Amino acid sequence: YTIVLSGLLVVEHDEGKLEIRAGEAVHARFGERVRYSTPDPGGAEYVAVCVPAFSPHAVNREES
């Protein structure tokens, strides 16, 4: 789950793209590929809750 506290968070996923604003949240399914970005000059503040928790060293990141 990702909860946006301020700004605008763009979440690209397997089936398209969502714009999540302050006060809104999004849920990514297990194994779904997601990419976060923000068009706002000030960025976005958000909280990502991962269950089960993961290690940053074990996450699957793609090359840019």
N, C-alpha and C. Protein backbone atom coordinates (compact mmCIF):
# COMPACT_ATOMS: atom_id res chain seq x y z
N TYR A 1 0.84 -1.18 0.00
CA TYR A 1 0.00 0.00 0.00
C TYR A 1 0.88 1.23 0.00
N THR A 2 0.48 2.27 -0.72
CA THR A 2 1.19 3.54 -0.72
C THR A 2 0.17 4.63 -0.46
N ILE A 3 0.44 5.46 0.54
CA ILE A 3 -0.45 6.55 0.93
C ILE A 3 0.27 7.86 0.65
N VAL A 4 -0.36 8.74 -0.13
CA VAL A 4 0.25 10.01 -0.47
C VAL A 4 -0.16 11.06 0.56
N LEU A 5 0.86 11.68 1.16
CA LEU A 5 0.63 12.71 2.18
C LEU A 5 0.54 14.09 1.57
N SER A 6 1.36 14.35 0.55
CA SER A 6 1.30 15.65 -0.13
C SER A 6 1.86 15.50 -1.54
N GLY A 7 1.44 16.40 -2.42
CA GLY A 7 1.91 16.36 -3.79
C GLY A 7 1.14 15.37 -4.64
N LEU A 8 1.76 15.01 -5.76
CA LEU A 8 1.16 14.09 -6.72
C LEU A 8 2.16 12.99 -7.02
N LEU A 9 1.73 11.76 -6.88
CA LEU A 9 2.57 10.60 -7.16
C LEU A 9 1.99 9.87 -8.36
N VAL A 10 2.80 9.68 -9.39
CA VAL A 10 2.39 8.93 -10.57
C VAL A 10 2.90 7.50 -10.40
N VAL A 11 1.99 6.54 -10.49
CA VAL A 11 2.35 5.14 -10.33
C VAL A 11 2.09 4.43 -11.65
N GLU A 12 3.18 4.03 -12.31
CA GLU A 12 3.06 3.24 -13.54
C GLU A 12 3.07 1.77 -13.13
N HIS A 13 2.15 0.99 -13.72
CA HIS A 13 2.03 -0.42 -13.36
C HIS A 13 1.75 -1.21 -14.63
N ASP A 14 1.62 -2.52 -14.49
CA ASP A 14 1.47 -3.41 -15.63
C ASP A 14 0.31 -3.05 -16.56
N GLU A 15 -0.74 -2.45 -16.02
CA GLU A 15 -1.93 -2.18 -16.82
C GLU A 15 -2.14 -0.70 -17.14
N GLY A 16 -1.17 0.16 -16.80
CA GLY A 16 -1.33 1.56 -17.13
C GLY A 16 -0.66 2.48 -16.13
N LYS A 17 -1.32 3.60 -15.87
CA LYS A 17 -0.74 4.63 -15.01
C LYS A 17 -1.84 5.25 -14.16
N LEU A 18 -1.52 5.53 -12.89
CA LEU A 18 -2.45 6.18 -11.96
C LEU A 18 -1.82 7.45 -11.43
N GLU A 19 -2.63 8.47 -11.19
CA GLU A 19 -2.19 9.69 -10.51
C GLU A 19 -2.82 9.69 -9.13
N ILE A 20 -1.98 9.60 -8.10
CA ILE A 20 -2.44 9.51 -6.72
C ILE A 20 -2.10 10.82 -6.02
N ARG A 21 -3.11 11.48 -5.49
CA ARG A 21 -2.93 12.79 -4.84
C ARG A 21 -3.00 12.66 -3.32
N ALA A 22 -2.63 13.74 -2.65
CA ALA A 22 -2.65 13.78 -1.19
C ALA A 22 -4.00 13.29 -0.67
N GLY A 23 -3.95 12.38 0.32
CA GLY A 23 -5.17 11.83 0.91
C GLY A 23 -5.66 10.57 0.21
N GLU A 24 -4.99 10.17 -0.87
CA GLU A 24 -5.39 8.97 -1.59
C GLU A 24 -4.33 7.88 -1.40
N ALA A 25 -4.70 6.66 -1.75
CA ALA A 25 -3.78 5.53 -1.59
C ALA A 25 -3.93 4.60 -2.78
N VAL A 26 -2.92 3.74 -2.95
CA VAL A 26 -2.94 2.75 -4.02
C VAL A 26 -2.39 1.44 -3.46
N HIS A 27 -2.89 0.33 -4.00
CA HIS A 27 -2.43 -0.99 -3.58
C HIS A 27 -1.84 -1.70 -4.80
N ALA A 28 -0.62 -2.19 -4.68
CA ALA A 28 0.01 -2.98 -5.75
C ALA A 28 -0.07 -4.45 -5.37
N ARG A 29 -0.45 -5.27 -6.32
CA ARG A 29 -0.53 -6.71 -6.09
C ARG A 29 0.86 -7.32 -5.97
N PHE A 30 0.97 -8.43 -5.27
CA PHE A 30 2.23 -9.14 -5.13
C PHE A 30 2.78 -9.49 -6.51
N GLY A 31 4.04 -9.15 -6.74
CA GLY A 31 4.70 -9.46 -8.00
C GLY A 31 4.45 -8.46 -9.11
N GLU A 32 3.57 -7.48 -8.89
CA GLU A 32 3.28 -6.48 -9.92
C GLU A 32 4.45 -5.51 -10.03
N ARG A 33 4.81 -5.17 -11.26
CA ARG A 33 5.87 -4.18 -11.48
C ARG A 33 5.28 -2.79 -11.35
N VAL A 34 5.92 -1.94 -10.56
CA VAL A 34 5.48 -0.55 -10.40
C VAL A 34 6.68 0.38 -10.48
N ARG A 35 6.41 1.61 -10.90
CA ARG A 35 7.44 2.65 -10.92
C ARG A 35 6.79 3.95 -10.46
N TYR A 36 7.41 4.60 -9.48
CA TYR A 36 6.89 5.85 -8.93
C TYR A 36 7.65 7.03 -9.54
N SER A 37 6.92 8.12 -9.78
CA SER A 37 7.53 9.38 -10.20
C SER A 37 6.58 10.50 -9.79
N THR A 38 7.05 11.73 -9.92
CA THR A 38 6.20 12.88 -9.63
C THR A 38 6.55 14.02 -10.58
N PRO A 39 5.52 14.65 -11.17
CA PRO A 39 5.79 15.78 -12.05
C PRO A 39 5.92 17.10 -11.29
N ASP A 40 5.55 17.11 -10.03
CA ASP A 40 5.57 18.34 -9.24
C ASP A 40 7.00 18.76 -8.92
N PRO A 41 7.33 20.05 -9.05
CA PRO A 41 8.68 20.53 -8.73
C PRO A 41 9.07 20.22 -7.28
N GLY A 42 8.11 20.23 -6.36
CA GLY A 42 8.39 19.95 -4.96
C GLY A 42 8.35 18.47 -4.62
N GLY A 43 8.07 17.63 -5.62
CA GLY A 43 8.01 16.19 -5.38
C GLY A 43 6.72 15.79 -4.69
N ALA A 44 6.77 14.67 -4.01
CA ALA A 44 5.62 14.15 -3.28
C ALA A 44 6.12 13.49 -2.00
N GLU A 45 5.31 13.57 -0.97
CA GLU A 45 5.61 12.83 0.26
C GLU A 45 4.62 11.68 0.34
N TYR A 46 5.14 10.48 0.60
CA TYR A 46 4.26 9.32 0.68
C TYR A 46 4.86 8.30 1.63
N VAL A 47 4.01 7.39 2.06
CA VAL A 47 4.41 6.29 2.93
C VAL A 47 4.08 5.00 2.19
N ALA A 48 5.08 4.14 2.05
CA ALA A 48 4.86 2.84 1.43
C ALA A 48 4.91 1.78 2.52
N VAL A 49 3.85 0.98 2.60
CA VAL A 49 3.77 -0.10 3.58
C VAL A 49 3.90 -1.41 2.82
N CYS A 50 4.97 -2.16 3.10
CA CYS A 50 5.25 -3.41 2.39
C CYS A 50 5.05 -4.59 3.32
N VAL A 51 4.16 -5.51 2.90
CA VAL A 51 3.88 -6.70 3.70
C VAL A 51 3.99 -7.91 2.78
N PRO A 52 4.88 -8.84 3.02
CA PRO A 52 5.85 -8.80 4.10
C PRO A 52 6.95 -7.78 3.78
N ALA A 53 7.64 -7.36 4.82
CA ALA A 53 8.71 -6.39 4.64
C ALA A 53 9.80 -6.98 3.75
N PHE A 54 10.54 -6.11 3.09
CA PHE A 54 11.62 -6.58 2.23
C PHE A 54 12.90 -5.80 2.54
N SER A 55 13.99 -6.34 2.11
CA SER A 55 15.28 -5.69 2.26
C SER A 55 15.58 -4.92 0.98
N PRO A 56 16.05 -3.69 1.05
CA PRO A 56 16.40 -2.95 -0.17
C PRO A 56 17.42 -3.69 -1.03
N HIS A 57 18.21 -4.55 -0.41
CA HIS A 57 19.21 -5.31 -1.16
C HIS A 57 18.59 -6.45 -1.95
N ALA A 58 17.40 -6.86 -1.57
CA ALA A 58 16.75 -8.01 -2.22
C ALA A 58 15.68 -7.61 -3.22
N VAL A 59 15.36 -6.32 -3.30
CA VAL A 59 14.31 -5.88 -4.20
C VAL A 59 14.77 -5.99 -5.65
N ASN A 60 13.86 -6.29 -6.56
CA ASN A 60 14.19 -6.40 -7.99
C ASN A 60 14.04 -5.04 -8.65
N ARG A 61 15.16 -4.40 -8.92
CA ARG A 61 15.14 -3.09 -9.60
C ARG A 61 15.62 -3.26 -11.02
N GLU A 62 14.98 -2.53 -11.94
CA GLU A 62 15.39 -2.56 -13.33
C GLU A 62 16.32 -1.40 -13.61
N GLU A 63 17.18 -1.57 -14.59
CA GLU A 63 18.06 -0.48 -15.02
C GLU A 63 17.21 0.63 -15.63
N SER A 64 17.61 1.88 -15.43
CA SER A 64 16.86 3.01 -16.00
C SER A 64 17.07 3.12 -17.49
